[in-house]
Amino acid sequence: MELQNIRENREAAQRRRIELTSLEQDINEDREANLERVNMHLEGLLEKADKDHALLRHMDFHYMARNKVCKARIRNLKAKLRKAIKKQKRQRELDRLQILAEASLAQHNT
């Protein structure tokens, strides 16, 4: 914005045919050069920020996908654990019934 104002002032001065002193010309050129350097620096920072932002978006997507995969794996493991616990409970009940049946047969045989 300031660079644009400087250029407009220079163009307006040329149109008005006003002669600037050499000191004023040097000051304007220095300001313009300094503003151009600052603009280039800010553009570099903006490009770096854009790259960082893209990387962070990629990382976010990557970790969200990994999180979903891990949650699905946890659900599957919980389901397997529930099935194994039910199977173990059934087996215990069958073992208990078998022991009772054997005890009952032992009593009848004696």
PDB file of N, CA and C in Angstrom:
ATOM      1  N   MET A   1       0.838  -1.180   0.000  1.00  0.00           N
ATOM      2  CA  MET A   1       0.000   0.000   0.000  1.00  0.00           C
ATOM      3  C   MET A   1       0.888   1.250   0.000  1.00  0.00           C
ATOM      4  N   GLU A   2       1.868   1.266   0.894  1.00  0.00           N
ATOM      5  CA  GLU A   2       2.763   2.415   0.961  1.00  0.00           C
ATOM      6  C   GLU A   2       3.600   2.523  -0.313  1.00  0.00           C
ATOM      7  N   LEU A   3       3.989   1.358  -0.840  1.00  0.00           N
ATOM      8  CA  LEU A   3       4.746   1.342  -2.092  1.00  0.00           C
ATOM      9  C   LEU A   3       3.918   1.942  -3.217  1.00  0.00           C
ATOM     10  N   GLN A   4       2.649   1.620  -3.229  1.00  0.00           N
ATOM     11  CA  GLN A   4       1.767   2.169  -4.254  1.00  0.00           C
ATOM     12  C   GLN A   4       1.642   3.688  -4.093  1.00  0.00           C
ATOM     13  N   ASN A   5       1.550   4.163  -2.849  1.00  0.00           N
ATOM     14  CA  ASN A   5       1.471   5.614  -2.609  1.00  0.00           C
ATOM     15  C   ASN A   5       2.737   6.315  -3.098  1.00  0.00           C
ATOM     16  N   ILE A   6       3.883   5.709  -2.855  1.00  0.00           N
ATOM     17  CA  ILE A   6       5.147   6.312  -3.300  1.00  0.00           C
ATOM     18  C   ILE A   6       5.175   6.411  -4.813  1.00  0.00           C
ATOM     19  N   ARG A   7       4.764   5.329  -5.479  1.00  0.00           N
ATOM     20  CA  ARG A   7       4.758   5.350  -6.950  1.00  0.00           C
ATOM     21  C   ARG A   7       3.775   6.390  -7.479  1.00  0.00           C
ATOM     22  N   GLU A   8       2.608   6.473  -6.835  1.00  0.00           N
ATOM     23  CA  GLU A   8       1.630   7.463  -7.275  1.00  0.00           C
ATOM     24  C   GLU A   8       2.156   8.879  -7.074  1.00  0.00           C
ATOM     25  N   ASN A   9       2.825   9.111  -5.942  1.00  0.00           N
ATOM     26  CA  ASN A   9       3.399  10.441  -5.694  1.00  0.00           C
ATOM     27  C   ASN A   9       4.462  10.771  -6.737  1.00  0.00           C
ATOM     28  N   ARG A  10       5.285   9.770  -7.080  1.00  0.00           N
ATOM     29  CA  ARG A  10       6.325  10.001  -8.083  1.00  0.00           C
ATOM     30  C   ARG A  10       5.696  10.313  -9.432  1.00  0.00           C
ATOM     31  N   GLU A  11       4.658   9.555  -9.810  1.00  0.00           N
ATOM     32  CA  GLU A  11       3.992   9.805 -11.077  1.00  0.00           C
ATOM     33  C   GLU A  11       3.313  11.173 -11.084  1.00  0.00           C
ATOM     34  N   ALA A  12       2.706  11.526  -9.950  1.00  0.00           N
ATOM     35  CA  ALA A  12       2.045  12.834  -9.861  1.00  0.00           C
ATOM     36  C   ALA A  12       3.086  13.943  -9.970  1.00  0.00           C
ATOM     37  N   ALA A  13       4.239  13.750  -9.347  1.00  0.00           N
ATOM     38  CA  ALA A  13       5.310  14.756  -9.419  1.00  0.00           C
ATOM     39  C   ALA A  13       5.815  14.884 -10.853  1.00  0.00           C
ATOM     40  N   GLN A  14       5.918  13.780 -11.560  1.00  0.00           N
ATOM     41  CA  GLN A  14       6.367  13.840 -12.951  1.00  0.00           C
ATOM     42  C   GLN A  14       5.346  14.568 -13.813  1.00  0.00           C
ATOM     43  N   ARG A  15       4.079  14.342 -13.521  1.00  0.00           N
ATOM     44  CA  ARG A  15       3.035  15.022 -14.286  1.00  0.00           C
ATOM     45  C   ARG A  15       3.034  16.529 -14.011  1.00  0.00           C
ATOM     46  N   ARG A  16       3.333  16.886 -12.790  1.00  0.00           N
ATOM     47  CA  ARG A  16       3.333  18.300 -12.425  1.00  0.00           C
ATOM     48  C   ARG A  16       4.652  18.967 -12.794  1.00  0.00           C
ATOM     49  N   ARG A  17       5.598  18.166 -13.247  1.00  0.00           N
ATOM     50  CA  ARG A  17       6.907  18.666 -13.646  1.00  0.00           C
ATOM     51  C   ARG A  17       7.640  19.349 -12.482  1.00  0.00           C
ATOM     52  N   ILE A  18       7.459  18.749 -11.291  1.00  0.00           N
ATOM     53  CA  ILE A  18       8.163  19.274 -10.129  1.00  0.00           C
ATOM     54  C   ILE A  18       9.471  18.527 -10.014  1.00  0.00           C
ATOM     55  N   GLU A  19      10.500  19.270  -9.879  1.00  0.00           N
ATOM     56  CA  GLU A  19      11.829  18.674  -9.741  1.00  0.00           C
ATOM     57  C   GLU A  19      12.095  18.421  -8.253  1.00  0.00           C
ATOM     58  N   LEU A  20      12.381  17.160  -7.914  1.00  0.00           N
ATOM     59  CA  LEU A  20      12.756  16.842  -6.543  1.00  0.00           C
ATOM     60  C   LEU A  20      14.262  17.016  -6.397  1.00  0.00           C
ATOM     61  N   THR A  21      14.658  17.396  -5.228  1.00  0.00           N
ATOM     62  CA  THR A  21      16.093  17.517  -4.996  1.00  0.00           C
ATOM     63  C   THR A  21      16.707  16.129  -4.990  1.00  0.00           C
ATOM     64  N   SER A  22      18.005  16.062  -5.151  1.00  0.00           N
ATOM     65  CA  SER A  22      18.670  14.751  -5.189  1.00  0.00           C
ATOM     66  C   SER A  22      18.496  14.020  -3.865  1.00  0.00           C
ATOM     67  N   LEU A  23      18.464  14.758  -2.752  1.00  0.00           N
ATOM     68  CA  LEU A  23      18.268  14.139  -1.443  1.00  0.00           C
ATOM     69  C   LEU A  23      16.872  13.521  -1.350  1.00  0.00           C
ATOM     70  N   GLU A  24      15.863  14.248  -1.820  1.00  0.00           N
ATOM     71  CA  GLU A  24      14.501  13.722  -1.810  1.00  0.00           C
ATOM     72  C   GLU A  24      14.383  12.499  -2.723  1.00  0.00           C
ATOM     73  N   GLN A  25      15.041  12.549  -3.870  1.00  0.00           N
ATOM     74  CA  GLN A  25      15.019  11.400  -4.779  1.00  0.00           C
ATOM     75  C   GLN A  25      15.672  10.183  -4.123  1.00  0.00           C
ATOM     76  N   ASP A  26      16.816  10.390  -3.465  1.00  0.00           N
ATOM     77  CA  ASP A  26      17.495   9.273  -2.781  1.00  0.00           C
ATOM     78  C   ASP A  26      16.611   8.695  -1.672  1.00  0.00           C
ATOM     79  N   ILE A  27      15.960   9.573  -0.917  1.00  0.00           N
ATOM     80  CA  ILE A  27      15.074   9.103   0.165  1.00  0.00           C
ATOM     81  C   ILE A  27      13.941   8.270  -0.406  1.00  0.00           C
ATOM     82  N   ASN A  28      13.311   8.758  -1.481  1.00  0.00           N
ATOM     83  CA  ASN A  28      12.209   8.007  -2.101  1.00  0.00           C
ATOM     84  C   ASN A  28      12.692   6.660  -2.646  1.00  0.00           C
ATOM     85  N   GLU A  29      13.849   6.664  -3.283  1.00  0.00           N
ATOM     86  CA  GLU A  29      14.380   5.407  -3.826  1.00  0.00           C
ATOM     87  C   GLU A  29      14.715   4.427  -2.701  1.00  0.00           C
ATOM     88  N   ASP A  30      15.302   4.944  -1.612  1.00  0.00           N
ATOM     89  CA  ASP A  30      15.619   4.075  -0.477  1.00  0.00           C
ATOM     90  C   ASP A  30      14.351   3.495   0.143  1.00  0.00           C
ATOM     91  N   ARG A  31      13.339   4.358   0.305  1.00  0.00           N
ATOM     92  CA  ARG A  31      12.068   3.863   0.878  1.00  0.00           C
ATOM     93  C   ARG A  31      11.459   2.792  -0.025  1.00  0.00           C
ATOM     94  N   GLU A  32      11.486   3.063  -1.326  1.00  0.00           N
ATOM     95  CA  GLU A  32      10.911   2.109  -2.275  1.00  0.00           C
ATOM     96  C   GLU A  32      11.689   0.792  -2.255  1.00  0.00           C
ATOM     97  N   ALA A  33      13.008   0.871  -2.232  1.00  0.00           N
ATOM     98  CA  ALA A  33      13.825  -0.346  -2.195  1.00  0.00           C
ATOM     99  C   ALA A  33      13.592  -1.107  -0.898  1.00  0.00           C
ATOM    100  N   ASN A  34      13.495  -0.360   0.193  1.00  0.00           N
ATOM    101  CA  ASN A  34      13.262  -1.011   1.487  1.00  0.00           C
ATOM    102  C   ASN A  34      11.901  -1.698   1.503  1.00  0.00           C
ATOM    103  N   LEU A  35      10.886  -1.028   0.997  1.00  0.00           N
ATOM    104  CA  LEU A  35       9.546  -1.627   0.950  1.00  0.00           C
ATOM    105  C   LEU A  35       9.524  -2.860   0.047  1.00  0.00           C
ATOM    106  N   GLU A  36      10.243  -2.818  -1.059  1.00  0.00           N
ATOM    107  CA  GLU A  36      10.303  -3.984  -1.938  1.00  0.00           C
ATOM    108  C   GLU A  36      10.975  -5.160  -1.233  1.00  0.00           C
ATOM    109  N   ARG A  37      12.061  -4.883  -0.468  1.00  0.00           N
ATOM    110  CA  ARG A  37      12.721  -5.957   0.290  1.00  0.00           C
ATOM    111  C   ARG A  37      11.777  -6.538   1.344  1.00  0.00           C
ATOM    112  N   VAL A  38      11.063  -5.650   2.017  1.00  0.00           N
ATOM    113  CA  VAL A  38      10.111  -6.114   3.036  1.00  0.00           C
ATOM    114  C   VAL A  38       9.015  -6.953   2.383  1.00  0.00           C
ATOM    115  N   ASN A  39       8.518  -6.503   1.242  1.00  0.00           N
ATOM    116  CA  ASN A  39       7.482  -7.273   0.536  1.00  0.00           C
ATOM    117  C   ASN A  39       7.991  -8.648   0.136  1.00  0.00           C
ATOM    118  N   MET A  40       9.219  -8.712  -0.388  1.00  0.00           N
ATOM    119  CA  MET A  40       9.779 -10.016  -0.774  1.00  0.00           C
ATOM    120  C   MET A  40       9.919 -10.912   0.454  1.00  0.00           C
ATOM    121  N   HIS A  41      10.356 -10.339   1.564  1.00  0.00           N
ATOM    122  CA  HIS A  41      10.503 -11.123   2.798  1.00  0.00           C
ATOM    123  C   HIS A  41       9.144 -11.645   3.271  1.00  0.00           C
ATOM    124  N   LEU A  42       8.139 -10.770   3.247  1.00  0.00           N
ATOM    125  CA  LEU A  42       6.797 -11.183   3.676  1.00  0.00           C
ATOM    126  C   LEU A  42       6.211 -12.231   2.739  1.00  0.00           C
ATOM    127  N   GLU A  43       6.476 -12.110   1.443  1.00  0.00           N
ATOM    128  CA  GLU A  43       6.001 -13.129   0.506  1.00  0.00           C
ATOM    129  C   GLU A  43       6.639 -14.482   0.809  1.00  0.00           C
ATOM    130  N   GLY A  44       7.942 -14.463   1.150  1.00  0.00           N
ATOM    131  CA  GLY A  44       8.614 -15.706   1.526  1.00  0.00           C
ATOM    132  C   GLY A  44       8.004 -16.311   2.772  1.00  0.00           C
ATOM    133  N   LEU A  45       7.714 -15.464   3.763  1.00  0.00           N
ATOM    134  CA  LEU A  45       7.078 -15.959   4.985  1.00  0.00           C
ATOM    135  C   LEU A  45       5.689 -16.519   4.705  1.00  0.00           C
ATOM    136  N   LEU A  46       4.968 -15.867   3.813  1.00  0.00           N
ATOM    137  CA  LEU A  46       3.627 -16.341   3.444  1.00  0.00           C
ATOM    138  C   LEU A  46       3.704 -17.700   2.751  1.00  0.00           C
ATOM    139  N   GLU A  47       4.669 -17.852   1.838  1.00  0.00           N
ATOM    140  CA  GLU A  47       4.842 -19.136   1.159  1.00  0.00           C
ATOM    141  C   GLU A  47       5.176 -20.234   2.161  1.00  0.00           C
ATOM    142  N   LYS A  48       6.055 -19.933   3.118  1.00  0.00           N
ATOM    143  CA  LYS A  48       6.428 -20.905   4.142  1.00  0.00           C
ATOM    144  C   LYS A  48       5.211 -21.265   4.992  1.00  0.00           C
ATOM    145  N   ALA A  49       4.415 -20.263   5.357  1.00  0.00           N
ATOM    146  CA  ALA A  49       3.210 -20.511   6.148  1.00  0.00           C
ATOM    147  C   ALA A  49       2.225 -21.379   5.365  1.00  0.00           C
ATOM    148  N   ASP A  50       2.096 -21.133   4.053  1.00  0.00           N
ATOM    149  CA  ASP A  50       1.207 -21.952   3.227  1.00  0.00           C
ATOM    150  C   ASP A  50       1.676 -23.403   3.183  1.00  0.00           C
ATOM    151  N   LYS A  51       3.002 -23.599   3.055  1.00  0.00           N
ATOM    152  CA  LYS A  51       3.542 -24.956   3.037  1.00  0.00           C
ATOM    153  C   LYS A  51       3.300 -25.646   4.382  1.00  0.00           C
ATOM    154  N   ASP A  52       3.536 -24.907   5.461  1.00  0.00           N
ATOM    155  CA  ASP A  52       3.308 -25.468   6.790  1.00  0.00           C
ATOM    156  C   ASP A  52       1.847 -25.835   6.985  1.00  0.00           C
ATOM    157  N   HIS A  53       0.969 -24.962   6.506  1.00  0.00           N
ATOM    158  CA  HIS A  53      -0.467 -25.222   6.631  1.00  0.00           C
ATOM    159  C   HIS A  53      -0.861 -26.480   5.855  1.00  0.00           C
ATOM    160  N   ALA A  54      -0.334 -26.613   4.644  1.00  0.00           N
ATOM    161  CA  ALA A  54      -0.640 -27.805   3.838  1.00  0.00           C
ATOM    162  C   ALA A  54      -0.114 -29.060   4.531  1.00  0.00           C
ATOM    163  N   LEU A  55       1.077 -28.969   5.096  1.00  0.00           N
ATOM    164  CA  LEU A  55       1.647 -30.116   5.811  1.00  0.00           C
ATOM    165  C   LEU A  55       0.797 -30.476   7.024  1.00  0.00           C
ATOM    166  N   LEU A  56       0.356 -29.474   7.756  1.00  0.00           N
ATOM    167  CA  LEU A  56      -0.480 -29.732   8.926  1.00  0.00           C
ATOM    168  C   LEU A  56      -1.821 -30.340   8.530  1.00  0.00           C
ATOM    169  N   ARG A  57      -2.393 -29.875   7.418  1.00  0.00           N
ATOM    170  CA  ARG A  57      -3.647 -30.476   6.956  1.00  0.00           C
ATOM    171  C   ARG A  57      -3.438 -31.944   6.593  1.00  0.00           C
ATOM    172  N   HIS A  58      -2.302 -32.229   5.915  1.00  0.00           N
ATOM    173  CA  HIS A  58      -1.991 -33.602   5.554  1.00  0.00           C
ATOM    174  C   HIS A  58      -1.808 -34.447   6.806  1.00  0.00           C
ATOM    175  N   MET A  59      -1.082 -33.920   7.785  1.00  0.00           N
ATOM    176  CA  MET A  59      -0.856 -34.665   9.029  1.00  0.00           C
ATOM    177  C   MET A  59      -2.179 -34.905   9.752  1.00  0.00           C
ATOM    178  N   ASP A  60      -3.052 -33.897   9.762  1.00  0.00           N
ATOM    179  CA  ASP A  60      -4.350 -34.028  10.408  1.00  0.00           C
ATOM    180  C   ASP A  60      -5.141 -35.163   9.761  1.00  0.00           C
ATOM    181  N   PHE A  61      -5.183 -35.179   8.433  1.00  0.00           N
ATOM    182  CA  PHE A  61      -5.914 -36.237   7.729  1.00  0.00           C
ATOM    183  C   PHE A  61      -5.295 -37.599   8.036  1.00  0.00           C
ATOM    184  N   HIS A  62      -3.962 -37.660   8.024  1.00  0.00           N
ATOM    185  CA  HIS A  62      -3.260 -38.918   8.273  1.00  0.00           C
ATOM    186  C   HIS A  62      -3.597 -39.464   9.657  1.00  0.00           C
ATOM    187  N   TYR A  63      -3.523 -38.609  10.672  1.00  0.00           N
ATOM    188  CA  TYR A  63      -3.774 -39.079  12.028  1.00  0.00           C
ATOM    189  C   TYR A  63      -5.248 -39.352  12.290  1.00  0.00           C
ATOM    190  N   MET A  64      -6.138 -38.635  11.607  1.00  0.00           N
ATOM    191  CA  MET A  64      -7.563 -38.965  11.736  1.00  0.00           C
ATOM    192  C   MET A  64      -7.824 -40.348  11.155  1.00  0.00           C
ATOM    193  N   ALA A  65      -7.214 -40.655  10.023  1.00  0.00           N
ATOM    194  CA  ALA A  65      -7.388 -41.970   9.398  1.00  0.00           C
ATOM    195  C   ALA A  65      -6.811 -43.054  10.301  1.00  0.00           C
ATOM    196  N   ARG A  66      -5.616 -42.809  10.860  1.00  0.00           N
ATOM    197  CA  ARG A  66      -5.021 -43.788  11.776  1.00  0.00           C
ATOM    198  C   ARG A  66      -5.897 -43.983  13.003  1.00  0.00           C
ATOM    199  N   ASN A  67      -6.482 -42.907  13.498  1.00  0.00           N
ATOM    200  CA  ASN A  67      -7.351 -42.985  14.660  1.00  0.00           C
ATOM    201  C   ASN A  67      -8.569 -43.855  14.359  1.00  0.00           C
ATOM    202  N   LYS A  68      -9.155 -43.678  13.167  1.00  0.00           N
ATOM    203  CA  LYS A  68     -10.316 -44.488  12.788  1.00  0.00           C
ATOM    204  C   LYS A  68      -9.933 -45.959  12.687  1.00  0.00           C
ATOM    205  N   VAL A  69      -8.772 -46.240  12.102  1.00  0.00           N
ATOM    206  CA  VAL A  69      -8.318 -47.624  11.970  1.00  0.00           C
ATOM    207  C   VAL A  69      -8.116 -48.246  13.348  1.00  0.00           C
ATOM    208  N   CYS A  70      -7.486 -47.491  14.240  1.00  0.00           N
ATOM    209  CA  CYS A  70      -7.241 -48.017  15.594  1.00  0.00           C
ATOM    210  C   CYS A  70      -8.543 -48.241  16.346  1.00  0.00           C
ATOM    211  N   LYS A  71      -9.490 -47.334  16.197  1.00  0.00           N
ATOM    212  CA  LYS A  71     -10.789 -47.527  16.862  1.00  0.00           C
ATOM    213  C   LYS A  71     -11.488 -48.768  16.330  1.00  0.00           C
ATOM    214  N   ALA A  72     -11.418 -48.994  15.021  1.00  0.00           N
ATOM    215  CA  ALA A  72     -12.029 -50.194  14.437  1.00  0.00           C
ATOM    216  C   ALA A  72     -11.338 -51.444  14.971  1.00  0.00           C
ATOM    217  N   ARG A  73     -10.011 -51.400  15.068  1.00  0.00           N
ATOM    218  CA  ARG A  73      -9.273 -52.542  15.604  1.00  0.00           C
ATOM    219  C   ARG A  73      -9.668 -52.807  17.055  1.00  0.00           C
ATOM    220  N   ILE A  74      -9.842 -51.756  17.842  1.00  0.00           N
ATOM    221  CA  ILE A  74     -10.257 -51.904  19.239  1.00  0.00           C
ATOM    222  C   ILE A  74     -11.644 -52.526  19.310  1.00  0.00           C
ATOM    223  N   ARG A  75     -12.569 -52.066  18.449  1.00  0.00           N
ATOM    224  CA  ARG A  75     -13.922 -52.655  18.437  1.00  0.00           C
ATOM    225  C   ARG A  75     -13.864 -54.148  18.110  1.00  0.00           C
ATOM    226  N   ASN A  76     -13.031 -54.504  17.101  1.00  0.00           N
ATOM    227  CA  ASN A  76     -12.913 -55.921  16.732  1.00  0.00           C
ATOM    228  C   ASN A  76     -12.333 -56.740  17.876  1.00  0.00           C
ATOM    229  N   LEU A  77     -11.317 -56.217  18.535  1.00  0.00           N
ATOM    230  CA  LEU A  77     -10.708 -56.951  19.647  1.00  0.00           C
ATOM    231  C   LEU A  77     -11.673 -57.088  20.820  1.00  0.00           C
ATOM    232  N   LYS A  78     -12.466 -56.046  21.081  1.00  0.00           N
ATOM    233  CA  LYS A  78     -13.472 -56.137  22.145  1.00  0.00           C
ATOM    234  C   LYS A  78     -14.515 -57.197  21.819  1.00  0.00           C
ATOM    235  N   ALA A  79     -14.929 -57.251  20.553  1.00  0.00           N
ATOM    236  CA  ALA A  79     -15.911 -58.265  20.144  1.00  0.00           C
ATOM    237  C   ALA A  79     -15.323 -59.662  20.317  1.00  0.00           C
ATOM    238  N   LYS A  80     -14.072 -59.857  19.914  1.00  0.00           N
ATOM    239  CA  LYS A  80     -13.425 -61.162  20.091  1.00  0.00           C
ATOM    240  C   LYS A  80     -13.309 -61.514  21.562  1.00  0.00           C
ATOM    241  N   LEU A  81     -12.985 -60.521  22.398  1.00  0.00           N
ATOM    242  CA  LEU A  81     -12.876 -60.762  23.830  1.00  0.00           C
ATOM    243  C   LEU A  81     -14.224 -61.160  24.417  1.00  0.00           C
ATOM    244  N   ARG A  82     -15.305 -60.489  24.010  1.00  0.00           N
ATOM    245  CA  ARG A  82     -16.645 -60.852  24.492  1.00  0.00           C
ATOM    246  C   ARG A  82     -16.981 -62.283  24.098  1.00  0.00           C
ATOM    247  N   LYS A  83     -16.678 -62.648  22.844  1.00  0.00           N
ATOM    248  CA  LYS A  83     -16.949 -64.021  22.400  1.00  0.00           C
ATOM    249  C   LYS A  83     -16.136 -65.024  23.200  1.00  0.00           C
ATOM    250  N   ALA A  84     -14.874 -64.709  23.443  1.00  0.00           N
ATOM    251  CA  ALA A  84     -14.017 -65.629  24.197  1.00  0.00           C
ATOM    252  C   ALA A  84     -14.514 -65.773  25.627  1.00  0.00           C
ATOM    253  N   ILE A  85     -14.961 -64.684  26.236  1.00  0.00           N
ATOM    254  CA  ILE A  85     -15.479 -64.751  27.614  1.00  0.00           C
ATOM    255  C   ILE A  85     -16.747 -65.585  27.654  1.00  0.00           C
ATOM    256  N   LYS A  86     -17.654 -65.396  26.677  1.00  0.00           N
ATOM    257  CA  LYS A  86     -18.880 -66.198  26.634  1.00  0.00           C
ATOM    258  C   LYS A  86     -18.550 -67.675  26.461  1.00  0.00           C
ATOM    259  N   LYS A  87     -17.603 -67.958  25.562  1.00  0.00           N
ATOM    260  CA  LYS A  87     -17.204 -69.342  25.328  1.00  0.00           C
ATOM    261  C   LYS A  87     -16.608 -69.956  26.598  1.00  0.00           C
ATOM    262  N   GLN A  88     -15.798 -69.170  27.290  1.00  0.00           N
ATOM    263  CA  GLN A  88     -15.184 -69.647  28.530  1.00  0.00           C
ATOM    264  C   GLN A  88     -16.248 -69.904  29.599  1.00  0.00           C
ATOM    265  N   LYS A  89     -17.242 -69.020  29.702  1.00  0.00           N
ATOM    266  CA  LYS A  89     -18.326 -69.212  30.666  1.00  0.00           C
ATOM    267  C   LYS A  89     -19.123 -70.470  30.328  1.00  0.00           C
ATOM    268  N   ARG A  90     -19.423 -70.666  29.041  1.00  0.00           N
ATOM    269  CA  ARG A  90     -20.144 -71.879  28.637  1.00  0.00           C
ATOM    270  C   ARG A  90     -19.347 -73.129  28.985  1.00  0.00           C
ATOM    271  N   GLN A  91     -18.039 -73.072  28.718  1.00  0.00           N
ATOM    272  CA  GLN A  91     -17.196 -74.236  29.014  1.00  0.00           C
ATOM    273  C   GLN A  91     -17.176 -74.518  30.512  1.00  0.00           C
ATOM    274  N   ARG A  92     -17.105 -73.486  31.340  1.00  0.00           N
ATOM    275  CA  ARG A  92     -17.136 -73.677  32.790  1.00  0.00           C
ATOM    276  C   ARG A  92     -18.442 -74.318  33.224  1.00  0.00           C
ATOM    277  N   GLU A  93     -19.550 -73.825  32.643  1.00  0.00           N
ATOM    278  CA  GLU A  93     -20.861 -74.388  32.983  1.00  0.00           C
ATOM    279  C   GLU A  93     -20.935 -75.860  32.567  1.00  0.00           C
ATOM    280  N   LEU A  94     -20.413 -76.185  31.370  1.00  0.00           N
ATOM    281  CA  LEU A  94     -20.407 -77.577  30.922  1.00  0.00           C
ATOM    282  C   LEU A  94     -19.527 -78.430  31.821  1.00  0.00           C
ATOM    283  N   ASP A  95     -18.380 -77.902  32.229  1.00  0.00           N
ATOM    284  CA  ASP A  95     -17.496 -78.640  33.125  1.00  0.00           C
ATOM    285  C   ASP A  95     -18.183 -78.886  34.466  1.00  0.00           C
ATOM    286  N   ARG A  96     -18.886 -77.881  34.977  1.00  0.00           N
ATOM    287  CA  ARG A  96     -19.594 -78.035  36.253  1.00  0.00           C
ATOM    288  C   ARG A  96     -20.695 -79.081  36.135  1.00  0.00           C
ATOM    289  N   LEU A  97     -21.440 -79.019  35.019  1.00  0.00           N
ATOM    290  CA  LEU A  97     -22.509 -80.010  34.807  1.00  0.00           C
ATOM    291  C   LEU A  97     -21.933 -81.408  34.643  1.00  0.00           C
ATOM    292  N   GLN A  98     -20.802 -81.529  33.980  1.00  0.00           N
ATOM    293  CA  GLN A  98     -20.174 -82.826  33.799  1.00  0.00           C
ATOM    294  C   GLN A  98     -19.709 -83.396  35.139  1.00  0.00           C
ATOM    295  N   ILE A  99     -19.167 -82.541  35.980  1.00  0.00           N
ATOM    296  CA  ILE A  99     -18.742 -82.987  37.313  1.00  0.00           C
ATOM    297  C   ILE A  99     -19.943 -83.445  38.111  1.00  0.00           C
ATOM    298  N   LEU A 100     -21.053 -82.714  38.046  1.00  0.00           N
ATOM    299  CA  LEU A 100     -22.273 -83.113  38.758  1.00  0.00           C
ATOM    300  C   LEU A 100     -22.803 -84.439  38.224  1.00  0.00           C
ATOM    301  N   ALA A 101     -22.764 -84.602  36.895  1.00  0.00           N
ATOM    302  CA  ALA A 101     -23.257 -85.845  36.293  1.00  0.00           C
ATOM    303  C   ALA A 101     -22.382 -87.018  36.726  1.00  0.00           C
ATOM    304  N   GLU A 102     -21.082 -86.832  36.738  1.00  0.00           N
ATOM    305  CA  GLU A 102     -20.181 -87.906  37.171  1.00  0.00           C
ATOM    306  C   GLU A 102     -20.396 -88.234  38.641  1.00  0.00           C
ATOM    307  N   ALA A 103     -20.624 -87.217  39.464  1.00  0.00           N
ATOM    308  CA  ALA A 103     -20.877 -87.448  40.890  1.00  0.00           C
ATOM    309  C   ALA A 103     -22.182 -88.192  41.073  1.00  0.00           C
ATOM    310  N   SER A 104     -23.176 -87.831  40.270  1.00  0.00           N
ATOM    311  CA  SER A 104     -24.474 -88.498  40.357  1.00  0.00           C
ATOM    312  C   SER A 104     -24.330 -89.961  39.943  1.00  0.00           C
ATOM    313  N   LEU A 105     -23.601 -90.243  38.897  1.00  0.00           N
ATOM    314  CA  LEU A 105     -23.383 -91.623  38.463  1.00  0.00           C
ATOM    315  C   LEU A 105     -22.589 -92.410  39.484  1.00  0.00           C
ATOM    316  N   ALA A 106     -21.635 -91.753  40.101  1.00  0.00           N
ATOM    317  CA  ALA A 106     -20.830 -92.421  41.138  1.00  0.00           C
ATOM    318  C   ALA A 106     -21.685 -92.804  42.305  1.00  0.00           C
ATOM    319  N   GLN A 107     -22.666 -91.958  42.662  1.00  0.00           N
ATOM    320  CA  GLN A 107     -23.543 -92.277  43.803  1.00  0.00           C
ATOM    321  C   GLN A 107     -24.460 -93.447  43.470  1.00  0.00           C
ATOM    322  N   HIS A 108     -24.939 -93.512  42.258  1.00  0.00           N
ATOM    323  CA  HIS A 108     -25.861 -94.592  41.864  1.00  0.00           C
ATOM    324  C   HIS A 108     -25.131 -95.923  41.725  1.00  0.00           C
ATOM    325  N   ASN A 109     -23.883 -95.894  41.365  1.00  0.00           N
ATOM    326  CA  ASN A 109     -23.118 -97.138  41.186  1.00  0.00           C
ATOM    327  C   ASN A 109     -22.689 -97.734  42.521  1.00  0.00           C
ATOM    328  N   THR A 110     -22.628 -96.948  43.546  1.00  0.00           N
ATOM    329  CA  THR A 110     -22.185 -97.493  44.842  1.00  0.00           C
ATOM    330  C   THR A 110     -23.280 -98.018  45.668  1.00  0.00           C
TER     331      THR A 110
END
